[in-house]
Amino acid sequence: MKSTITNIKKVSLIFFIITGLLHLGSAMFISNGLHLKEALIVNKTMDIPFILTGLIYGFSSLRLSLTDPEKHHKLLDVSLISIIIIVLAGLVVINLAIPNIK
């Protein structure tokens, strides 16, 4: 089980770095007024994956550092996955329910 969580941590770190660079790069394009249409599309679509990959990386790190790899920790796993799902649902609701303010 430890190797699975370690692999999830490694893959989520790679995705976190990629989505973070794309999100921050698009913000720099927006602030400089370059390729505004494309930068706005990338910026608005990369916020949820950026947050989710950060949560998955952080929680997998937390899971590895707090628990013993020889024991099962179903309650901790369920609670961490529940937090990720609640945050995802909240982000989707916020993105769909709140109109863009110009």
N, C-alpha and C. Protein backbone atom coordinates (compact mmCIF):
# COMPACT_ATOMS: atom_id res chain seq x y z
N MET A 1 0.82 -1.20 0.00
CA MET A 1 0.00 0.00 0.00
C MET A 1 0.87 1.26 0.00
N LYS A 2 2.02 1.17 0.67
CA LYS A 2 2.89 2.34 0.74
C LYS A 2 3.41 2.73 -0.64
N SER A 3 3.73 1.74 -1.47
CA SER A 3 4.26 2.06 -2.79
C SER A 3 3.20 2.73 -3.66
N THR A 4 1.93 2.36 -3.49
CA THR A 4 0.86 3.00 -4.24
C THR A 4 0.74 4.47 -3.86
N ILE A 5 0.75 4.75 -2.58
CA ILE A 5 0.62 6.14 -2.13
C ILE A 5 1.87 6.93 -2.51
N THR A 6 3.03 6.31 -2.46
CA THR A 6 4.26 6.98 -2.89
C THR A 6 4.20 7.32 -4.37
N ASN A 7 3.68 6.40 -5.19
CA ASN A 7 3.54 6.69 -6.62
C ASN A 7 2.52 7.79 -6.87
N ILE A 8 1.41 7.78 -6.12
CA ILE A 8 0.42 8.85 -6.25
C ILE A 8 1.05 10.19 -5.89
N LYS A 9 1.88 10.19 -4.86
CA LYS A 9 2.55 11.42 -4.45
C LYS A 9 3.49 11.93 -5.54
N LYS A 10 4.25 11.03 -6.15
CA LYS A 10 5.20 11.43 -7.20
C LYS A 10 4.48 11.96 -8.44
N VAL A 11 3.43 11.27 -8.86
CA VAL A 11 2.69 11.70 -10.05
C VAL A 11 1.95 13.01 -9.79
N SER A 12 1.36 13.15 -8.61
CA SER A 12 0.65 14.39 -8.31
C SER A 12 1.61 15.58 -8.20
N LEU A 13 2.84 15.34 -7.76
CA LEU A 13 3.82 16.42 -7.74
C LEU A 13 4.15 16.88 -9.15
N ILE A 14 4.31 15.94 -10.06
CA ILE A 14 4.59 16.31 -11.46
C ILE A 14 3.44 17.13 -12.04
N PHE A 15 2.20 16.65 -11.84
CA PHE A 15 1.05 17.38 -12.34
C PHE A 15 0.87 18.73 -11.65
N PHE A 16 1.19 18.79 -10.35
CA PHE A 16 1.10 20.06 -9.61
C PHE A 16 2.07 21.08 -10.19
N ILE A 17 3.27 20.66 -10.49
CA ILE A 17 4.26 21.58 -11.06
C ILE A 17 3.82 22.04 -12.45
N ILE A 18 3.34 21.12 -13.28
CA ILE A 18 2.93 21.48 -14.64
C ILE A 18 1.74 22.43 -14.61
N THR A 19 0.71 22.08 -13.85
CA THR A 19 -0.48 22.95 -13.80
C THR A 19 -0.16 24.28 -13.13
N GLY A 20 0.73 24.27 -12.15
CA GLY A 20 1.12 25.52 -11.50
C GLY A 20 1.86 26.45 -12.44
N LEU A 21 2.78 25.89 -13.22
CA LEU A 21 3.51 26.71 -14.18
C LEU A 21 2.58 27.27 -15.25
N LEU A 22 1.64 26.45 -15.73
CA LEU A 22 0.68 26.94 -16.71
C LEU A 22 -0.22 28.03 -16.14
N HIS A 23 -0.69 27.81 -14.92
CA HIS A 23 -1.58 28.79 -14.28
C HIS A 23 -0.84 30.10 -14.01
N LEU A 24 0.35 30.02 -13.47
CA LEU A 24 1.11 31.24 -13.19
C LEU A 24 1.59 31.92 -14.47
N GLY A 25 1.95 31.13 -15.47
CA GLY A 25 2.35 31.71 -16.76
C GLY A 25 1.21 32.46 -17.42
N SER A 26 0.00 31.88 -17.36
CA SER A 26 -1.15 32.58 -17.94
C SER A 26 -1.46 33.85 -17.17
N ALA A 27 -1.27 33.84 -15.86
CA ALA A 27 -1.48 35.06 -15.08
C ALA A 27 -0.48 36.14 -15.46
N MET A 28 0.74 35.74 -15.77
CA MET A 28 1.73 36.72 -16.20
C MET A 28 1.38 37.30 -17.57
N PHE A 29 0.86 36.44 -18.47
CA PHE A 29 0.42 36.94 -19.76
C PHE A 29 -0.73 37.93 -19.60
N ILE A 30 -1.66 37.63 -18.70
CA ILE A 30 -2.80 38.52 -18.47
C ILE A 30 -2.32 39.85 -17.91
N SER A 31 -1.42 39.81 -16.95
CA SER A 31 -0.97 41.06 -16.33
C SER A 31 -0.17 41.93 -17.30
N ASN A 32 0.48 41.31 -18.28
CA ASN A 32 1.23 42.07 -19.27
C ASN A 32 0.41 42.41 -20.52
N GLY A 33 -0.82 41.92 -20.58
CA GLY A 33 -1.69 42.21 -21.71
C GLY A 33 -1.34 41.47 -22.99
N LEU A 34 -0.70 40.34 -22.88
CA LEU A 34 -0.30 39.56 -24.04
C LEU A 34 -1.25 38.38 -24.23
N HIS A 35 -1.69 38.16 -25.44
CA HIS A 35 -2.56 37.02 -25.78
C HIS A 35 -3.68 36.87 -24.75
N LEU A 36 -4.45 37.92 -24.55
CA LEU A 36 -5.43 37.94 -23.48
C LEU A 36 -6.48 36.84 -23.59
N LYS A 37 -7.00 36.61 -24.78
CA LYS A 37 -8.06 35.61 -24.93
C LYS A 37 -7.56 34.22 -24.53
N GLU A 38 -6.42 33.83 -25.06
CA GLU A 38 -5.87 32.50 -24.76
C GLU A 38 -5.44 32.39 -23.30
N ALA A 39 -4.84 33.45 -22.78
CA ALA A 39 -4.38 33.42 -21.39
C ALA A 39 -5.56 33.34 -20.42
N LEU A 40 -6.66 34.03 -20.73
CA LEU A 40 -7.84 33.95 -19.87
C LEU A 40 -8.44 32.55 -19.88
N ILE A 41 -8.46 31.92 -21.05
CA ILE A 41 -9.00 30.55 -21.13
C ILE A 41 -8.14 29.60 -20.30
N VAL A 42 -6.84 29.69 -20.45
CA VAL A 42 -5.94 28.80 -19.69
C VAL A 42 -6.05 29.09 -18.20
N ASN A 43 -6.11 30.35 -17.84
CA ASN A 43 -6.18 30.72 -16.43
C ASN A 43 -7.46 30.22 -15.78
N LYS A 44 -8.57 30.33 -16.48
CA LYS A 44 -9.85 29.90 -15.90
C LYS A 44 -10.00 28.39 -15.87
N THR A 45 -9.34 27.69 -16.77
CA THR A 45 -9.48 26.24 -16.77
C THR A 45 -8.43 25.54 -15.91
N MET A 46 -7.35 26.20 -15.56
CA MET A 46 -6.30 25.53 -14.80
C MET A 46 -6.41 25.74 -13.30
N ASP A 47 -7.37 26.53 -12.82
CA ASP A 47 -7.43 26.75 -11.38
C ASP A 47 -7.89 25.51 -10.62
N ILE A 48 -8.89 24.80 -11.13
CA ILE A 48 -9.36 23.60 -10.43
C ILE A 48 -8.32 22.48 -10.47
N PRO A 49 -7.71 22.14 -11.63
CA PRO A 49 -6.68 21.10 -11.59
C PRO A 49 -5.48 21.47 -10.71
N PHE A 50 -5.13 22.75 -10.67
CA PHE A 50 -4.02 23.19 -9.84
C PHE A 50 -4.32 22.95 -8.36
N ILE A 51 -5.52 23.30 -7.94
CA ILE A 51 -5.90 23.10 -6.53
C ILE A 51 -6.01 21.61 -6.21
N LEU A 52 -6.62 20.84 -7.10
CA LEU A 52 -6.79 19.42 -6.83
C LEU A 52 -5.47 18.66 -6.76
N THR A 53 -4.56 18.95 -7.69
CA THR A 53 -3.28 18.26 -7.63
C THR A 53 -2.50 18.67 -6.39
N GLY A 54 -2.64 19.91 -5.97
CA GLY A 54 -2.01 20.34 -4.73
C GLY A 54 -2.57 19.61 -3.52
N LEU A 55 -3.90 19.46 -3.49
CA LEU A 55 -4.52 18.72 -2.39
C LEU A 55 -4.10 17.25 -2.38
N ILE A 56 -4.08 16.64 -3.55
CA ILE A 56 -3.70 15.22 -3.62
C ILE A 56 -2.25 15.04 -3.20
N TYR A 57 -1.38 15.93 -3.65
CA TYR A 57 0.03 15.83 -3.24
C TYR A 57 0.17 16.06 -1.74
N GLY A 58 -0.48 17.08 -1.23
CA GLY A 58 -0.38 17.38 0.20
C GLY A 58 -0.93 16.28 1.07
N PHE A 59 -2.09 15.75 0.71
CA PHE A 59 -2.70 14.70 1.52
C PHE A 59 -1.95 13.38 1.41
N SER A 60 -1.38 13.08 0.25
CA SER A 60 -0.59 11.85 0.15
C SER A 60 0.70 11.98 0.96
N SER A 61 1.28 13.17 0.98
CA SER A 61 2.45 13.43 1.82
C SER A 61 2.10 13.29 3.30
N LEU A 62 0.96 13.86 3.66
CA LEU A 62 0.49 13.78 5.04
C LEU A 62 0.22 12.33 5.43
N ARG A 63 -0.39 11.60 4.54
CA ARG A 63 -0.70 10.18 4.81
C ARG A 63 0.57 9.37 5.02
N LEU A 64 1.59 9.63 4.20
CA LEU A 64 2.84 8.88 4.34
C LEU A 64 3.60 9.24 5.61
N SER A 65 3.53 10.51 6.01
CA SER A 65 4.31 10.92 7.17
C SER A 65 3.63 10.59 8.50
N LEU A 66 2.31 10.50 8.51
CA LEU A 66 1.61 10.29 9.78
C LEU A 66 1.33 8.83 10.11
N THR A 67 1.36 7.96 9.12
CA THR A 67 0.89 6.60 9.36
C THR A 67 2.01 5.57 9.25
N ASP A 68 1.73 4.42 9.81
CA ASP A 68 2.63 3.27 9.72
C ASP A 68 2.26 2.50 8.46
N PRO A 69 3.23 2.24 7.57
CA PRO A 69 2.90 1.56 6.31
C PRO A 69 2.40 0.13 6.48
N GLU A 70 2.64 -0.48 7.62
CA GLU A 70 2.23 -1.87 7.83
C GLU A 70 0.76 -2.00 8.25
N LYS A 71 0.15 -0.91 8.70
CA LYS A 71 -1.22 -0.96 9.18
C LYS A 71 -2.16 -0.34 8.16
N HIS A 72 -3.42 -0.74 8.23
CA HIS A 72 -4.45 -0.17 7.37
C HIS A 72 -5.06 1.05 8.06
N HIS A 73 -5.29 2.08 7.29
CA HIS A 73 -5.85 3.32 7.83
C HIS A 73 -7.02 3.75 6.97
N LYS A 74 -8.07 2.93 6.98
CA LYS A 74 -9.22 3.19 6.13
C LYS A 74 -9.95 4.47 6.51
N LEU A 75 -10.07 4.74 7.79
CA LEU A 75 -10.79 5.95 8.22
C LEU A 75 -10.05 7.21 7.76
N LEU A 76 -8.74 7.22 7.89
CA LEU A 76 -7.96 8.37 7.43
C LEU A 76 -8.06 8.51 5.91
N ASP A 77 -7.98 7.41 5.19
CA ASP A 77 -8.08 7.47 3.73
C ASP A 77 -9.44 7.99 3.29
N VAL A 78 -10.49 7.50 3.91
CA VAL A 78 -11.85 7.94 3.56
C VAL A 78 -12.03 9.41 3.89
N SER A 79 -11.50 9.86 5.02
CA SER A 79 -11.66 11.27 5.38
C SER A 79 -10.88 12.18 4.44
N LEU A 80 -9.67 11.79 4.05
CA LEU A 80 -8.90 12.62 3.13
C LEU A 80 -9.54 12.66 1.73
N ILE A 81 -10.03 11.54 1.27
CA ILE A 81 -10.72 11.51 -0.03
C ILE A 81 -12.00 12.32 0.04
N SER A 82 -12.70 12.27 1.16
CA SER A 82 -13.93 13.06 1.32
C SER A 82 -13.64 14.56 1.26
N ILE A 83 -12.55 14.98 1.87
CA ILE A 83 -12.18 16.40 1.83
C ILE A 83 -11.88 16.81 0.40
N ILE A 84 -11.18 15.98 -0.35
CA ILE A 84 -10.87 16.31 -1.75
C ILE A 84 -12.15 16.41 -2.57
N ILE A 85 -13.09 15.49 -2.36
CA ILE A 85 -14.35 15.52 -3.12
C ILE A 85 -15.18 16.75 -2.74
N ILE A 86 -15.22 17.10 -1.47
CA ILE A 86 -15.97 18.29 -1.04
C ILE A 86 -15.36 19.56 -1.63
N VAL A 87 -14.03 19.65 -1.64
CA VAL A 87 -13.37 20.82 -2.23
C VAL A 87 -13.65 20.88 -3.73
N LEU A 88 -13.60 19.74 -4.42
CA LEU A 88 -13.90 19.71 -5.85
C LEU A 88 -15.33 20.18 -6.11
N ALA A 89 -16.28 19.67 -5.35
CA ALA A 89 -17.67 20.09 -5.53
C ALA A 89 -17.82 21.58 -5.25
N GLY A 90 -17.18 22.07 -4.22
CA GLY A 90 -17.24 23.49 -3.91
C GLY A 90 -16.64 24.36 -5.01
N LEU A 91 -15.53 23.93 -5.57
CA LEU A 91 -14.90 24.69 -6.65
C LEU A 91 -15.77 24.72 -7.91
N VAL A 92 -16.39 23.60 -8.22
CA VAL A 92 -17.27 23.55 -9.38
C VAL A 92 -18.47 24.46 -9.17
N VAL A 93 -19.06 24.42 -7.98
CA VAL A 93 -20.20 25.29 -7.69
C VAL A 93 -19.80 26.76 -7.75
N ILE A 94 -18.65 27.09 -7.20
CA ILE A 94 -18.19 28.48 -7.24
C ILE A 94 -17.95 28.93 -8.67
N ASN A 95 -17.32 28.09 -9.48
CA ASN A 95 -17.04 28.47 -10.86
C ASN A 95 -18.30 28.59 -11.70
N LEU A 96 -19.31 27.78 -11.42
CA LEU A 96 -20.54 27.83 -12.21
C LEU A 96 -21.56 28.83 -11.66
N ALA A 97 -21.63 28.99 -10.35
CA ALA A 97 -22.67 29.82 -9.77
C ALA A 97 -22.32 31.31 -9.73
N ILE A 98 -21.06 31.61 -9.58
CA ILE A 98 -20.67 33.01 -9.49
C ILE A 98 -20.27 33.51 -10.88
N PRO A 99 -21.00 34.49 -11.40
CA PRO A 99 -20.66 34.98 -12.73
C PRO A 99 -19.36 35.79 -12.70
N ASN A 100 -18.76 35.89 -13.87
CA ASN A 100 -17.53 36.65 -13.97
C ASN A 100 -17.81 38.13 -13.80
N ILE A 101 -17.05 38.76 -12.97
CA ILE A 101 -17.22 40.20 -12.71
C ILE A 101 -16.20 40.95 -13.55
N LYS A 102 -16.71 41.91 -14.34
CA LYS A 102 -15.81 42.70 -15.18
C LYS A 102 -15.88 44.15 -14.79
